[in-house]
Protein backbone atom coordinates (compact mmCIF):
# COMPACT_ATOMS: atom_id res chain seq x y z
CA MET A 1 3.42 -4.23 0.75
CA ALA A 2 4.29 -3.90 4.35
CA GLN A 3 8.14 -4.42 4.79
CA ASP A 4 9.09 -7.57 6.83
CA ALA A 5 10.12 -6.58 10.25
CA TYR A 6 12.10 -10.44 10.24
CA ARG A 7 13.92 -10.24 7.31
CA PHE A 8 17.25 -9.92 8.69
CA TYR A 9 17.03 -11.92 11.94
CA ALA A 10 15.09 -15.21 10.08
CA GLY A 11 18.43 -16.27 8.78
CA ILE A 12 20.30 -16.05 12.11
CA TYR A 13 17.48 -16.93 14.52
CA ASP A 14 18.27 -20.18 15.19
CA LYS A 15 21.40 -19.86 16.34
CA ALA A 16 21.13 -16.54 18.09
CA TYR A 17 18.07 -17.02 20.25
CA GLU A 18 17.23 -21.12 20.07
CA PRO A 19 19.79 -22.22 22.50
CA ALA A 20 17.78 -19.87 25.42
CA GLU A 21 14.68 -21.03 24.00
CA LYS A 22 15.17 -24.96 23.65
CA LYS A 23 14.53 -25.93 27.35
CA LEU A 24 11.21 -23.73 27.27
CA ARG A 25 10.13 -25.95 23.97
CA LYS A 26 10.93 -29.03 25.80
CA ILE A 27 8.98 -28.10 29.27
CA GLY A 28 6.08 -27.13 26.66
CA LEU A 29 6.17 -30.84 25.61
CA GLU A 30 6.08 -32.61 28.93
CA VAL A 31 3.05 -30.62 29.69
CA PHE A 32 1.57 -31.63 26.59
CA PRO A 33 3.22 -34.51 25.25
CA PRO A 34 2.34 -34.99 21.31
CA GLN A 35 0.49 -38.27 20.19
CA GLU A 36 0.69 -39.50 16.88
CA ASN A 37 -1.92 -37.81 14.34
CA LEU A 38 -2.83 -34.71 16.43
CA SER A 39 -3.23 -31.58 14.20
CA ILE A 40 -1.54 -28.80 15.53
CA LEU A 41 -1.18 -25.11 14.99
CA ASP A 42 1.52 -22.87 15.99
CA VAL A 43 0.55 -19.21 15.96
CA GLY A 44 3.79 -17.52 14.98
CA CYS A 45 5.80 -20.66 13.86
CA GLY A 46 8.71 -18.13 12.97
CA THR A 47 11.56 -20.80 11.71
CA GLY A 48 9.43 -23.55 12.41
CA THR A 49 11.43 -25.20 15.54
CA GLN A 50 8.21 -26.02 17.50
CA LEU A 51 6.55 -27.70 14.53
CA ALA A 52 9.84 -29.39 14.07
CA LEU A 53 9.15 -31.06 17.71
CA TYR A 54 5.94 -32.37 16.81
CA LYS A 55 7.18 -33.40 13.55
CA LYS A 56 9.07 -36.47 15.22
CA ALA A 57 5.62 -37.44 17.01
CA GLY A 58 3.76 -37.77 13.41
CA CYS A 59 1.23 -34.83 14.43
CA LYS A 60 -0.35 -33.27 11.32
CA LEU A 61 1.31 -29.89 11.02
CA THR A 62 0.09 -26.31 10.08
CA GLY A 63 1.96 -22.77 10.76
CA ILE A 64 1.21 -19.45 10.22
CA ASP A 65 3.50 -16.00 10.89
CA GLN A 66 3.33 -12.73 9.33
CA SER A 67 6.82 -13.17 8.19
CA PRO A 68 7.76 -14.18 4.57
CA ALA A 69 11.59 -14.69 5.29
CA MET A 70 10.40 -16.55 8.42
CA LEU A 71 8.26 -18.79 6.83
CA ALA A 72 10.51 -19.48 3.89
CA ALA A 73 13.12 -20.66 6.56
CA ALA A 74 10.63 -22.64 8.28
CA HIS A 75 9.88 -24.52 4.97
CA GLN A 76 13.57 -25.03 4.44
CA LYS A 77 13.18 -26.74 7.73
CA LEU A 78 9.84 -28.74 7.49
CA GLY A 79 9.68 -29.06 3.72
CA GLU A 80 5.95 -30.57 2.77
CA ALA A 81 5.60 -31.91 6.31
CA ALA A 82 4.00 -28.92 7.34
CA GLU A 83 1.36 -26.57 5.56
CA LEU A 84 2.64 -23.22 6.22
CA ARG A 85 0.60 -19.69 5.76
CA LEU A 86 0.93 -16.45 5.55
CA GLU A 87 -1.57 -15.22 8.04
CA ASP A 88 -2.70 -12.34 10.75
CA ALA A 89 -2.94 -14.40 14.24
CA THR A 90 -5.84 -11.98 15.07
CA HIS A 91 -8.28 -12.94 11.89
CA MET A 92 -7.19 -16.34 11.33
CA THR A 93 -9.34 -17.79 7.91
CA PHE A 94 -9.38 -21.96 9.66
CA ASP A 95 -12.82 -23.35 10.81
CA SER A 96 -13.66 -22.98 14.66
CA GLN A 97 -12.56 -26.30 16.44
CA THR A 98 -10.04 -27.41 13.35
CA PHE A 99 -6.81 -28.23 16.18
CA ASP A 100 -6.63 -30.55 18.52
CA LEU A 101 -3.90 -28.28 20.24
CA VAL A 102 -2.43 -24.56 18.91
CA THR A 103 0.88 -23.36 20.26
CA VAL A 104 1.60 -19.82 20.92
CA VAL A 105 5.41 -19.82 21.62
CA LEU A 106 7.28 -16.80 22.77
CA VAL A 107 4.86 -14.47 20.36
CA LEU A 108 2.62 -12.40 22.52
CA HIS A 109 5.26 -10.33 24.12
CA GLU A 110 6.10 -9.11 20.88
CA MET A 111 2.91 -7.88 19.90
CA PRO A 112 1.38 -3.99 20.87
CA PRO A 113 -1.01 -4.97 23.80
CA ASN A 114 -4.31 -4.46 22.11
CA LEU A 115 -3.50 -7.18 19.71
CA ARG A 116 -2.70 -10.23 22.54
CA PRO A 117 -6.34 -10.79 23.46
CA ALA A 118 -7.37 -10.91 19.95
CA VAL A 119 -4.62 -13.53 19.51
CA LEU A 120 -5.64 -15.48 22.50
CA GLN A 121 -9.71 -15.65 21.25
CA GLU A 122 -8.49 -16.35 17.87
CA SER A 123 -6.75 -19.56 19.19
CA LEU A 124 -9.18 -20.88 21.19
CA ARG A 125 -11.33 -20.32 18.68
CA VAL A 126 -9.73 -22.56 16.20
CA THR A 127 -8.70 -25.18 18.91
CA LYS A 128 -11.76 -28.50 19.54
CA ALA A 129 -13.46 -28.57 22.12
CA ASP A 130 -11.38 -31.44 23.60
CA GLY A 131 -8.41 -29.83 22.79
CA ARG A 132 -5.57 -27.47 24.64
CA VAL A 133 -4.00 -23.90 23.91
CA LEU A 134 -0.40 -24.32 24.84
CA LEU A 135 0.71 -20.27 25.80
CA ILE A 136 5.25 -20.19 26.83
CA ASP A 137 5.79 -16.53 26.84
CA TYR A 138 8.16 -14.21 29.26
CA HIS A 139 7.14 -14.01 33.15
CA PHE A 140 7.28 -11.17 35.26
CA GLY A 141 9.55 -12.07 38.02
CA PRO A 142 10.58 -12.87 40.92
CA TYR A 143 14.22 -13.40 39.82
CA PRO A 144 15.68 -15.05 42.06
CA PHE A 145 19.68 -13.90 42.76
CA PRO A 146 22.00 -15.42 40.89
CA ARG A 147 20.00 -17.32 38.45
CA GLY A 148 16.95 -15.54 38.07
CA TRP A 149 19.11 -12.08 37.49
CA LEU A 150 21.16 -13.62 34.75
CA TRP A 151 18.47 -15.37 33.00
CA LYS A 152 16.43 -11.99 33.19
CA LEU A 153 19.82 -10.32 31.83
CA VAL A 154 19.86 -12.55 28.67
CA VAL A 155 16.19 -12.06 27.96
CA THR A 156 16.31 -8.54 28.36
CA LEU A 157 19.46 -8.21 25.80
CA GLY A 158 18.04 -10.85 23.45
CA GLU A 159 14.52 -8.03 23.36
CA ILE A 160 16.55 -5.08 22.82
CA SER A 161 18.58 -6.63 19.87
CA VAL A 162 15.43 -7.14 18.25
CA GLY A 163 15.03 -3.36 18.05
CA ARG A 164 12.82 -0.54 19.99
CA LYS A 165 9.11 -1.30 18.76
CA HIS A 166 10.16 -5.17 19.89
CA TYR A 167 11.62 -4.28 23.00
CA ASN A 168 8.66 -1.58 24.11
CA ASN A 169 6.32 -4.48 23.54
CA TYR A 170 7.82 -6.79 26.17
CA ARG A 171 8.53 -4.35 28.58
CA ASP A 172 4.63 -3.28 28.02
CA PHE A 173 4.19 -7.09 28.45
CA ILE A 174 6.21 -7.28 31.47
CA ALA A 175 5.03 -4.54 33.20
CA HIS A 176 1.27 -5.89 33.03
CA GLN A 177 2.03 -9.19 34.39
CA GLY A 178 2.79 -10.96 31.30
CA LEU A 179 0.32 -14.38 30.39
CA GLU A 180 -1.07 -14.08 33.81
CA ARG A 181 -2.95 -11.03 33.77
CA LEU A 182 -3.92 -12.05 29.85
CA VAL A 183 -5.45 -15.27 30.70
CA THR A 184 -7.08 -14.30 34.24
CA GLY A 185 -8.27 -11.08 32.45
CA GLN A 186 -10.63 -13.14 30.18
CA HIS A 187 -11.44 -16.11 32.74
CA LEU A 188 -10.07 -18.76 30.70
CA ALA A 189 -10.15 -22.24 31.95
CA VAL A 190 -6.71 -23.12 33.17
CA ARG A 191 -5.39 -26.72 33.08
CA GLN A 192 -1.78 -26.11 34.29
CA CYS A 193 0.76 -23.39 34.84
CA VAL A 194 4.44 -23.63 35.12
CA ILE A 195 6.85 -21.12 35.96
CA VAL A 196 10.14 -21.90 35.22
CA GLU A 197 13.85 -20.79 34.65
CA SER A 198 13.98 -18.68 38.14
CA GLY A 199 10.76 -16.59 37.06
CA VAL A 200 11.67 -15.36 33.94
CA ALA A 201 8.96 -17.44 31.92
CA ALA A 202 5.43 -19.41 32.14
CA ILE A 203 3.65 -21.89 30.44
CA TYR A 204 -0.07 -22.10 30.10
CA LEU A 205 -1.81 -25.00 29.61
CA LEU A 206 -5.68 -23.84 28.52
CA GLN A 207 -9.25 -25.48 27.98
CA PRO A 208 -11.25 -23.78 25.15
């Protein structure tokens, strides 16, 4: 079995990284406000923070991740309120058109370049015809001085702290214009796009 790359970070993730991510998640809720009984899938759910936001609204929660340690942390946070699965996001086991909303939050930049389109296509596949896909990830700028530079420094240090492989994937993601290139390259229907935190992050709402 492959070693869990996040076995160390699962225990410290919420304290070390969530403070910088909290605002992005909040804006994501404003872009697509949750409603009771919506079926939500969070791809790369990590410690379950994104799903916890939808729990308060009475949504039906599902999360997948490839890290057993992260899923254990998510289970501790969410209990029986969410179905959590150890799955590969490039080959999900869900039927097509299963979910009202699929969220992919700060996940795509972590992946090798060749996997990102497959994850995005799988996310669209399992979304209902009248559903939405919400993408939140880092953006390539420009970064206005001084706020943009400061946020860029925070993000860069955070990515470096997770290791060389992770940081290299992040650098490639930014070098290839992040979500913008990924979304436009596949000719996807964009309902809304918001650039936040002085150019450091982007939020895309897609329609299947």
